[in-house]
Amino acid sequence: ARCCIVDLDCQFGEQASLFGVSPSTSVVDCLDAGDRLDWDIIANAVTNVRPRIDLLAAPRDIPPPETIDADQLLRLLAMLRQNYDHVLLDFPAGWTNAGLSAACACNRLLLVVDQSVRSIGRASKTIALLDSVDVAPGNVTLVVNCAEKRLFQVIGAQAVGDTLDREIAAVIPLVKTGLQEAQVRGFLFSEEEPRSAFAKAFAQLAETDFSDGEQS
């Protein structure tokens, strides 16, 4: 299966650096094409980062948020869907009209949250926002990140799902050493430590069938 990752964090997106690439083109080049947007422009903008995985990176320079046109973004995503088996969107922490429009067009949203009260509170606000634009609750699934299992832990991973009233798609264990070093070198930690609990959790998430999600 072919996959395209789209970094929609146009201000501080880091997908390119995490994959160890420095593309000269970005998602903004596609959005700026206007009515000229076609597959040739998209193909020239994406960067191959792994076998069968392409990246449409965030721009190097920060564009004004109001320049991201929601309709043009949806048109771009429609073209990507026609040419890839999977299109993964990496959203910024803050929501814009364009980002929210893209979220509504997704078959499934993975909301990353950790076990802290602060993170759960922010996730609750995000879920409320998605509810307000009629995103089906079954389309929003949780990924509990940096999970720890401690004897006297107040908030366990399952408690996060119960609090937010959403299904947990994966629990990603905390990595205490090696993760940041791998990112600096432009490698994925799961590639360097394929037998780690971290890598196994991501492999399980990758094999999850999300095809039964309702179309928003």
Protein backbone atom coordinates (compact mmCIF):
# COMPACT_ATOMS: atom_id res chain seq x y z
CA ALA A 1 0.00 0.00 0.00
CA ARG A 2 1.20 3.51 -0.83
CA CYS A 3 0.91 6.22 1.80
CA CYS A 4 1.32 9.99 1.80
CA ILE A 5 1.93 11.94 5.01
CA VAL A 6 0.80 15.57 4.86
CA ASP A 7 2.30 17.91 7.46
CA LEU A 8 -0.43 20.50 8.02
CA ASP A 9 1.47 22.26 10.80
CA CYS A 10 2.56 25.04 8.44
CA GLN A 11 4.16 27.02 11.26
CA PHE A 12 6.19 24.44 13.18
CA GLY A 13 5.84 21.14 11.31
CA GLU A 14 8.73 18.74 11.93
CA GLN A 15 7.89 15.69 9.85
CA ALA A 16 10.67 16.44 7.36
CA SER A 17 13.33 16.67 10.06
CA LEU A 18 12.05 13.52 11.76
CA PHE A 19 12.55 11.64 8.50
CA GLY A 20 15.95 13.28 7.94
CA VAL A 21 15.02 15.12 4.73
CA SER A 22 15.08 18.79 3.68
CA PRO A 23 12.62 19.17 0.80
CA SER A 24 12.59 22.40 -1.17
CA THR A 25 8.86 22.09 -1.83
CA SER A 26 5.95 21.88 0.58
CA VAL A 27 2.20 21.66 1.00
CA VAL A 28 2.03 25.44 0.52
CA ASP A 29 3.37 25.10 -3.03
CA CYS A 30 0.35 22.94 -3.83
CA LEU A 31 -2.07 25.32 -2.14
CA ASP A 32 -0.58 28.33 -3.94
CA ALA A 33 -1.08 26.64 -7.32
CA GLY A 34 -4.76 27.57 -7.26
CA ASP A 35 -6.67 26.38 -10.32
CA ARG A 36 -3.43 25.06 -11.83
CA LEU A 37 -3.21 22.32 -9.19
CA ASP A 38 -2.87 18.90 -10.81
CA TRP A 39 -1.09 15.64 -10.14
CA ASP A 40 2.14 16.82 -11.79
CA ILE A 41 2.44 19.68 -9.30
CA ILE A 42 1.70 17.36 -6.38
CA ALA A 43 4.16 14.72 -7.60
CA ASN A 44 6.90 17.36 -7.77
CA ALA A 45 6.08 18.58 -4.26
CA VAL A 46 6.16 15.26 -2.39
CA THR A 47 9.36 13.67 -1.09
CA ASN A 48 9.88 9.94 -0.83
CA VAL A 49 11.01 9.19 2.73
CA ARG A 50 10.62 5.42 2.93
CA PRO A 51 9.61 2.66 0.51
CA ARG A 52 5.97 3.35 -0.51
CA ILE A 53 5.82 6.39 1.81
CA ASP A 54 5.85 9.97 0.51
CA LEU A 55 5.83 13.18 2.54
CA LEU A 56 4.21 16.49 1.68
CA ALA A 57 6.18 18.62 4.10
CA ALA A 58 5.41 21.82 5.96
CA PRO A 59 7.02 24.96 4.50
CA ARG A 60 10.39 26.20 5.71
CA ASP A 61 9.01 29.71 6.26
CA ILE A 62 5.84 30.42 8.22
CA PRO A 63 2.98 31.58 5.96
CA PRO A 64 0.21 33.82 7.31
CA PRO A 65 -2.55 31.49 8.63
CA GLU A 66 -5.24 33.28 6.63
CA THR A 67 -3.51 32.34 3.36
CA ILE A 68 -4.41 28.65 3.81
CA ASP A 69 -7.60 28.26 1.79
CA ALA A 70 -9.91 25.52 3.09
CA ASP A 71 -11.44 24.70 -0.30
CA GLN A 72 -8.02 24.43 -1.95
CA LEU A 73 -6.82 22.17 0.86
CA LEU A 74 -9.81 19.87 0.41
CA ARG A 75 -9.14 19.77 -3.33
CA LEU A 76 -5.54 18.79 -2.66
CA LEU A 77 -6.59 16.02 -0.27
CA ALA A 78 -9.08 14.68 -2.80
CA MET A 79 -6.31 14.37 -5.40
CA LEU A 80 -4.03 12.65 -2.91
CA ARG A 81 -6.75 10.13 -2.09
CA GLN A 82 -7.04 9.27 -5.77
CA ASN A 83 -3.35 8.39 -5.98
CA TYR A 84 -2.54 6.87 -2.57
CA ASP A 85 -4.03 4.02 -0.59
CA HIS A 86 -3.69 6.00 2.64
CA VAL A 87 -3.36 9.73 3.33
CA LEU A 88 -2.20 10.65 6.85
CA LEU A 89 -2.59 14.23 8.07
CA ASP A 90 -0.45 15.64 10.87
CA PHE A 91 -2.45 18.51 12.38
CA PRO A 92 -1.05 21.45 14.36
CA ALA A 93 -1.88 21.94 18.02
CA GLY A 94 -4.05 24.96 17.24
CA TRP A 95 -7.11 24.67 15.01
CA THR A 96 -7.85 26.85 11.98
CA ASN A 97 -10.84 26.83 9.65
CA ALA A 98 -8.79 25.01 7.01
CA GLY A 99 -7.53 22.43 9.49
CA LEU A 100 -11.00 21.81 10.86
CA SER A 101 -12.37 21.37 7.33
CA ALA A 102 -9.65 18.80 6.65
CA ALA A 103 -10.45 17.00 9.91
CA CYS A 104 -14.12 16.78 8.95
CA ALA A 105 -13.08 15.12 5.68
CA CYS A 106 -11.09 12.37 7.43
CA ASN A 107 -12.37 8.82 7.80
CA ARG A 108 -10.70 8.52 11.20
CA LEU A 109 -9.00 10.94 13.59
CA LEU A 110 -6.33 9.75 16.01
CA LEU A 111 -6.13 12.08 18.99
CA VAL A 112 -2.80 11.82 20.81
CA VAL A 113 -3.05 12.28 24.57
CA ASP A 114 -0.93 11.41 27.58
CA GLN A 115 -1.89 10.56 31.16
CA SER A 116 -1.54 14.07 32.58
CA VAL A 117 -4.55 16.08 33.70
CA ARG A 118 -3.45 18.94 31.42
CA SER A 119 -3.32 16.74 28.32
CA ILE A 120 -6.67 15.11 29.10
CA GLY A 121 -8.22 18.56 29.54
CA ARG A 122 -6.93 19.73 26.16
CA ALA A 123 -8.13 16.53 24.51
CA SER A 124 -11.57 17.05 26.04
CA LYS A 125 -11.75 20.53 24.49
CA THR A 126 -10.68 19.13 21.11
CA ILE A 127 -13.35 16.44 21.26
CA ALA A 128 -15.96 19.09 22.14
CA LEU A 129 -14.88 21.13 19.11
CA LEU A 130 -15.12 18.10 16.82
CA ASP A 131 -18.53 17.28 18.27
CA SER A 132 -19.67 20.83 17.48
CA VAL A 133 -18.95 20.32 13.77
CA ASP A 134 -20.71 16.94 13.73
CA VAL A 135 -17.67 14.66 13.54
CA ALA A 136 -19.05 11.24 14.48
CA PRO A 137 -17.79 10.11 17.93
CA GLY A 138 -16.80 6.75 16.45
CA ASN A 139 -14.42 8.52 14.07
CA VAL A 140 -12.29 9.90 16.92
CA THR A 141 -9.94 7.36 18.49
CA LEU A 142 -7.29 7.89 21.16
CA VAL A 143 -3.58 7.15 21.13
CA VAL A 144 -2.24 7.25 24.69
CA ASN A 145 1.35 8.43 24.35
CA CYS A 146 4.31 8.14 26.76
CA ALA A 147 2.31 5.65 28.81
CA GLU A 148 3.73 4.45 32.11
CA LYS A 149 2.62 1.66 34.40
CA ARG A 150 3.32 2.49 38.02
CA LEU A 151 2.06 0.85 41.19
CA PHE A 152 0.30 3.92 42.60
CA GLN A 153 -0.53 5.65 39.34
CA VAL A 154 -3.56 7.91 39.60
CA ILE A 155 -4.58 7.93 35.92
CA GLY A 156 -4.06 4.71 33.96
CA ALA A 157 -4.30 4.40 30.19
CA GLN A 158 -7.79 2.92 30.30
CA ALA A 159 -8.93 5.69 32.63
CA VAL A 160 -7.94 8.18 29.92
CA GLY A 161 -10.29 6.48 27.48
CA ASP A 162 -13.08 6.27 30.05
CA THR A 163 -12.72 9.96 30.95
CA LEU A 164 -12.83 11.10 27.33
CA ASP A 165 -15.44 8.49 26.36
CA ARG A 166 -13.48 7.38 23.32
CA GLU A 167 -11.94 4.10 22.20
CA ILE A 168 -8.19 3.64 22.64
CA ALA A 169 -6.49 2.59 19.40
CA ALA A 170 -3.01 2.20 20.89
CA VAL A 171 -0.98 2.71 24.04
CA ILE A 172 2.54 3.90 23.20
CA PRO A 173 4.96 3.21 26.07
CA LEU A 174 7.35 5.84 27.37
CA VAL A 175 10.85 5.60 25.88
CA LYS A 176 13.39 6.83 28.41
CA THR A 177 16.53 6.68 26.25
CA GLY A 178 17.37 6.66 22.56
CA LEU A 179 14.28 8.29 21.05
CA GLN A 180 15.55 11.86 20.81
CA GLU A 181 18.96 10.67 19.64
CA ALA A 182 17.34 8.74 16.79
CA GLN A 183 15.27 11.78 15.81
CA VAL A 184 18.37 13.99 15.68
CA ARG A 185 19.99 11.51 13.29
CA GLY A 186 16.85 11.43 11.12
CA PHE A 187 15.96 7.82 11.93
CA LEU A 188 12.78 6.31 13.32
CA PHE A 189 13.30 4.73 16.74
CA SER A 190 11.21 1.74 15.66
CA GLU A 191 13.72 1.09 12.87
CA GLU A 192 16.66 1.14 15.25
CA GLU A 193 14.91 -0.85 17.98
CA PRO A 194 12.39 -3.03 16.10
CA ARG A 195 11.91 -5.41 19.05
CA SER A 196 11.16 -2.69 21.59
CA ALA A 197 7.72 -2.31 23.16
CA PHE A 198 7.54 1.09 21.45
CA ALA A 199 8.03 -0.43 17.98
CA LYS A 200 5.57 -3.24 18.69
CA ALA A 201 2.90 -0.76 19.79
CA PHE A 202 3.28 1.22 16.55
CA ALA A 203 3.23 -1.97 14.49
CA GLN A 204 -0.03 -2.96 16.17
CA LEU A 205 -1.48 0.49 15.47
CA ALA A 206 -0.42 0.26 11.81
CA GLU A 207 -2.28 -3.04 11.47
CA THR A 208 -5.50 -1.65 12.95
CA ASP A 209 -8.42 -1.70 10.53
CA PHE A 210 -10.06 1.73 10.54
CA SER A 211 -12.19 1.05 7.49
CA ASP A 212 -15.37 0.82 9.56
CA GLY A 213 -15.19 4.49 10.54
CA GLU A 214 -18.17 6.60 9.50
CA GLN A 215 -17.53 9.15 6.79
CA SER A 216 -17.97 12.67 8.18
